[in-house]
Protein backbone atom coordinates (compact mmCIF):
# COMPACT_ATOMS: atom_id res chain seq x y z
CA UNK A 1 -4.23 43.14 96.99
CA UNK A 2 -2.21 45.43 99.29
CA UNK A 3 1.07 43.38 98.45
CA UNK A 4 0.36 43.59 94.79
CA UNK A 5 -0.04 47.14 94.60
CA UNK A 6 2.76 48.00 97.03
CA UNK A 7 5.26 45.68 94.97
CA UNK A 8 4.49 47.48 91.93
CA UNK A 9 6.53 50.36 92.81
CA UNK A 10 3.73 53.28 92.45
CA UNK A 11 3.41 53.74 96.26
CA UNK A 12 -0.12 53.95 97.84
CA UNK A 13 -0.99 57.50 99.07
CA UNK A 14 -2.39 57.56 102.64
CA UNK A 15 -2.32 53.82 103.28
CA UNK A 16 -2.13 54.10 106.95
CA UNK A 17 -6.13 54.80 106.40
CA UNK A 18 -6.70 51.88 104.73
CA UNK A 19 -4.47 49.88 107.33
CA UNK A 20 -5.97 51.09 110.31
CA UNK A 21 -8.98 49.00 109.02
CA UNK A 22 -7.26 45.88 108.08
CA UNK A 23 -7.94 42.76 109.27
CA UNK A 24 -5.66 39.68 109.44
CA UNK A 25 -5.51 37.10 106.78
CA UNK A 26 -8.30 34.41 107.71
CA UNK A 27 -7.21 31.16 108.68
CA UNK A 28 -9.24 28.17 108.95
CA UNK A 29 -7.57 25.59 111.11
CA UNK A 30 -8.47 21.91 110.20
CA UNK A 31 -11.12 21.48 113.07
CA UNK A 32 -12.93 24.29 111.78
CA UNK A 33 -13.40 22.70 108.35
CA UNK A 34 -13.69 19.24 109.78
CA UNK A 35 -16.75 21.27 111.40
CA UNK A 36 -17.81 22.92 108.14
CA UNK A 37 -17.74 19.69 106.56
CA UNK A 38 -19.72 17.59 108.43
CA UNK A 39 -22.39 19.99 109.04
CA UNK A 40 -22.91 20.41 105.43
CA UNK A 41 -22.92 17.16 104.53
CA UNK A 42 -25.31 15.70 107.41
CA UNK A 43 -27.67 18.78 106.78
CA UNK A 44 -29.45 16.05 104.61
CA UNK A 45 -31.82 14.53 106.58
CA UNK A 46 -31.80 11.36 104.62
CA UNK A 47 -28.05 10.72 105.00
CA UNK A 48 -28.28 11.03 108.80
CA UNK A 49 -31.17 8.81 109.11
CA UNK A 50 -29.30 6.19 106.70
CA UNK A 51 -25.75 6.57 108.65
CA UNK A 52 -27.78 6.56 111.81
CA UNK A 53 -26.10 10.13 112.83
CA UNK A 54 -27.00 12.41 115.71
CA UNK A 55 -27.07 16.01 114.75
CA UNK A 56 -27.13 17.09 118.04
CA UNK A 57 -23.86 15.42 119.04
CA UNK A 58 -22.11 16.68 115.91
CA UNK A 59 -22.87 20.08 117.38
CA UNK A 60 -21.55 18.99 120.72
CA UNK A 61 -18.47 17.12 119.93
CA UNK A 62 -15.51 17.38 118.05
CA UNK A 63 -14.71 13.62 118.59
CA UNK A 64 -18.05 12.68 117.25
CA UNK A 65 -17.22 15.19 114.14
CA UNK A 66 -14.74 13.36 113.23
CA UNK A 67 -16.40 10.22 113.53
CA UNK A 68 -18.83 11.07 111.16
CA UNK A 69 -16.41 12.61 108.55
CA UNK A 70 -15.18 9.00 108.32
CA UNK A 71 -18.56 7.61 107.92
CA UNK A 72 -18.06 9.35 104.59
CA UNK A 73 -14.41 9.04 103.65
CA UNK A 74 -11.55 6.75 103.80
CA UNK A 75 -8.93 6.75 106.57
CA UNK A 76 -6.58 7.47 104.20
CA UNK A 77 -6.35 8.83 100.18
CA UNK A 78 -3.06 6.64 99.91
CA UNK A 79 -2.40 3.27 101.17
CA UNK A 80 -0.82 2.81 104.27
CA UNK A 81 1.79 2.84 105.98
CA UNK A 82 3.13 6.55 106.70
CA UNK A 83 0.08 8.06 104.99
CA UNK A 84 -1.56 11.15 106.85
CA UNK A 85 -5.46 10.80 107.93
CA UNK A 86 -7.53 12.15 105.12
CA UNK A 87 -8.78 15.21 106.66
CA UNK A 88 -5.24 16.41 107.26
CA UNK A 89 -4.47 15.44 103.69
CA UNK A 90 -7.78 17.78 102.42
CA UNK A 91 -6.36 20.16 104.62
CA UNK A 92 -2.70 19.90 103.03
CA UNK A 93 -3.55 19.94 99.73
CA UNK A 94 -5.90 22.52 99.70
CA UNK A 95 -3.36 24.80 101.73
CA UNK A 96 -1.53 27.65 99.24
CA UNK A 97 2.24 28.89 99.98
CA UNK A 98 1.17 31.72 102.67
CA UNK A 99 -0.57 28.74 104.72
CA UNK A 100 -3.89 29.89 103.97
CA UNK A 101 -6.90 27.09 103.72
CA UNK A 102 -10.29 28.51 102.23
CA UNK A 103 -13.51 26.95 103.07
CA UNK A 104 -14.19 27.56 99.60
CA UNK A 105 -11.36 25.56 98.30
CA UNK A 106 -11.94 22.86 100.18
CA UNK A 107 -15.74 22.56 99.32
CA UNK A 108 -14.92 22.78 96.03
CA UNK A 109 -12.54 19.48 96.24
CA UNK A 110 -15.13 17.56 98.43
CA UNK A 111 -18.38 18.81 95.55
CA UNK A 112 -16.20 17.22 92.69
CA UNK A 113 -15.10 14.28 94.56
CA UNK A 114 -18.95 13.96 94.93
CA UNK A 115 -19.55 14.29 91.19
CA UNK A 116 -16.88 11.92 90.27
CA UNK A 117 -18.16 9.11 92.75
CA UNK A 118 -21.79 9.20 91.78
CA UNK A 119 -20.21 8.58 88.29
CA UNK A 120 -18.51 5.55 89.23
CA UNK A 121 -21.39 4.43 91.14
CA UNK A 122 -23.51 4.80 88.13
CA UNK A 123 -20.90 2.51 86.38
CA UNK A 124 -21.49 -0.10 88.36
CA UNK A 125 -24.64 0.07 90.74
CA UNK A 126 -24.49 -3.31 91.90
CA UNK A 127 -21.01 -2.73 93.11
CA UNK A 128 -20.16 -2.27 97.28
CA UNK A 129 -17.79 0.12 98.57
CA UNK A 130 -16.80 0.80 102.14
CA UNK A 131 -17.15 4.41 101.87
CA UNK A 132 -19.51 7.14 100.37
CA UNK A 133 -16.63 9.19 98.37
CA UNK A 134 -13.16 7.16 97.61
CA UNK A 135 -9.69 7.55 97.07
CA UNK A 136 -9.80 7.99 93.76
CA UNK A 137 -12.74 10.53 93.30
CA UNK A 138 -10.64 12.56 96.55
CA UNK A 139 -7.81 12.73 94.02
CA UNK A 140 -9.96 13.76 91.26
CA UNK A 141 -11.35 16.50 93.20
CA UNK A 142 -8.04 17.91 93.71
CA UNK A 143 -7.15 18.16 90.02
CA UNK A 144 -10.08 19.98 89.33
CA UNK A 145 -9.72 22.02 91.68
CA UNK A 146 -6.17 22.96 90.75
CA UNK A 147 -7.50 23.27 87.50
CA UNK A 148 -10.14 26.24 88.51
CA UNK A 149 -7.36 27.96 90.77
CA UNK A 150 -5.29 28.07 88.07
CA UNK A 151 -7.96 29.50 85.72
CA UNK A 152 -10.07 31.87 88.28
CA UNK A 153 -7.38 32.85 90.44
CA UNK A 154 -3.77 32.94 88.79
CA UNK A 155 -4.55 34.03 85.13
CA UNK A 156 -7.74 36.03 85.87
CA UNK A 157 -6.57 37.92 88.96
CA UNK A 158 -3.07 38.46 87.91
CA UNK A 159 -2.60 38.60 84.30
CA UNK A 160 0.47 40.34 84.87
CA UNK A 161 2.26 37.56 86.56
CA UNK A 162 0.93 34.82 84.15
CA UNK A 163 3.82 34.93 81.52
CA UNK A 164 6.22 34.30 84.33
CA UNK A 165 3.96 31.53 85.54
CA UNK A 166 3.05 30.01 82.45
CA UNK A 167 6.30 29.05 82.11
CA UNK A 168 6.54 26.61 85.17
CA UNK A 169 3.98 24.58 83.02
CA UNK A 170 5.16 21.15 82.90
CA UNK A 171 7.66 21.62 85.47
CA UNK A 172 9.11 20.22 88.86
CA UNK A 173 7.38 21.09 92.10
CA UNK A 174 10.49 22.70 93.61
CA UNK A 175 13.36 24.91 92.63
CA UNK A 176 16.42 26.30 93.54
CA UNK A 177 17.33 29.85 93.17
CA UNK A 178 19.83 29.23 90.12
CA UNK A 179 17.28 26.95 88.32
CA UNK A 180 14.79 30.01 88.96
CA UNK A 181 17.48 32.77 87.45
CA UNK A 182 17.75 30.54 84.40
CA UNK A 183 14.36 30.15 83.89
CA UNK A 184 12.72 33.38 84.83
CA UNK A 185 15.86 35.74 84.11
CA UNK A 186 17.45 38.57 85.47
CA UNK A 187 14.50 39.78 87.73
CA UNK A 188 13.59 36.18 88.94
CA UNK A 189 13.98 37.64 92.63
CA UNK A 190 11.34 40.35 92.02
CA UNK A 191 9.25 37.86 90.21
CA UNK A 192 9.17 35.38 92.97
CA UNK A 193 8.84 37.82 95.66
CA UNK A 194 5.65 38.15 94.06
CA UNK A 195 4.38 34.79 93.48
CA UNK A 196 5.24 34.00 96.90
CA UNK A 197 2.75 37.01 98.09
CA UNK A 198 0.28 35.42 96.34
CA UNK A 199 0.39 31.96 97.21
CA UNK A 200 2.21 30.34 94.16
CA UNK A 201 5.18 29.71 96.05
CA UNK A 202 6.32 28.73 99.49
CA UNK A 203 9.86 30.05 100.26
CA UNK A 204 11.84 28.00 102.65
CA UNK A 205 15.72 27.85 103.90
CA UNK A 206 17.39 25.19 104.20
CA UNK A 207 19.07 24.49 107.95
CA UNK A 208 21.81 22.63 107.20
CA UNK A 209 22.84 24.29 104.12
CA UNK A 210 21.33 28.19 104.59
CA UNK A 211 20.35 27.40 101.01
CA UNK A 212 16.49 29.01 99.62
CA UNK A 213 14.29 26.67 98.29
CA UNK A 214 11.45 27.59 96.60
CA UNK A 215 8.19 25.00 96.46
CA UNK A 216 4.82 24.81 95.09
CA UNK A 217 2.07 23.84 97.27
CA UNK A 218 -0.05 20.62 96.55
CA UNK A 219 -2.83 23.23 95.24
CA UNK A 220 -1.29 24.43 92.33
CA UNK A 221 0.58 20.64 90.87
CA UNK A 222 -2.76 19.51 89.07
CA UNK A 223 -3.16 23.26 87.32
CA UNK A 224 -0.02 23.50 85.95
CA UNK A 225 0.83 19.96 85.34
CA UNK A 226 4.06 19.73 87.49
CA UNK A 227 6.04 16.29 88.60
CA UNK A 228 7.51 16.04 91.87
CA UNK A 229 11.43 16.56 92.01
CA UNK A 230 13.67 19.56 92.39
CA UNK A 231 15.22 21.56 89.43
């Protein structure tokens, strides 16, 4: 909020009185995300009994929490080789352009994945599955999360930026400065600064060439219907 107010150019009287009480952005590492998910999932007594999960060991051992996680989810979302484990995939695919992962986003993804998996089980009640929540359901959950963030975060909280954001709909996942200038106009640098500040973009500099590049994080790809590639 402070970044948006300050970027408007209108100033903020006595800002130091606010920043003196300001906390750093809350960042959840993947181990905390794992703990949250496993404890929530196995709060159900019936599920713990069905999978023979020891509640006390969940509280005591991070290795055991990981074992319990993979009783529910597949080892990878996409087929190996060279695929990250599902827990890491969930973490990187819910991360915004600032590197922030929120518990709410992870829970929203998993909740939608559970709903999708239940629908699939109802369609084939006699079928068998090596997991309770499969890859297709997880990918569906990410798409639904992306659409929610588009509507309830980008559109609702930043209506003054939405006309610029909407121009990327159906575009690429990565943009060069020249492509941004062509798409957004002469004020593209100021616009992109705002988009970086809200986590829509990740700005990086290529070491070998020193060139800038702006990338969309995975979490916005589905909502904006982006295709992989560079413009």
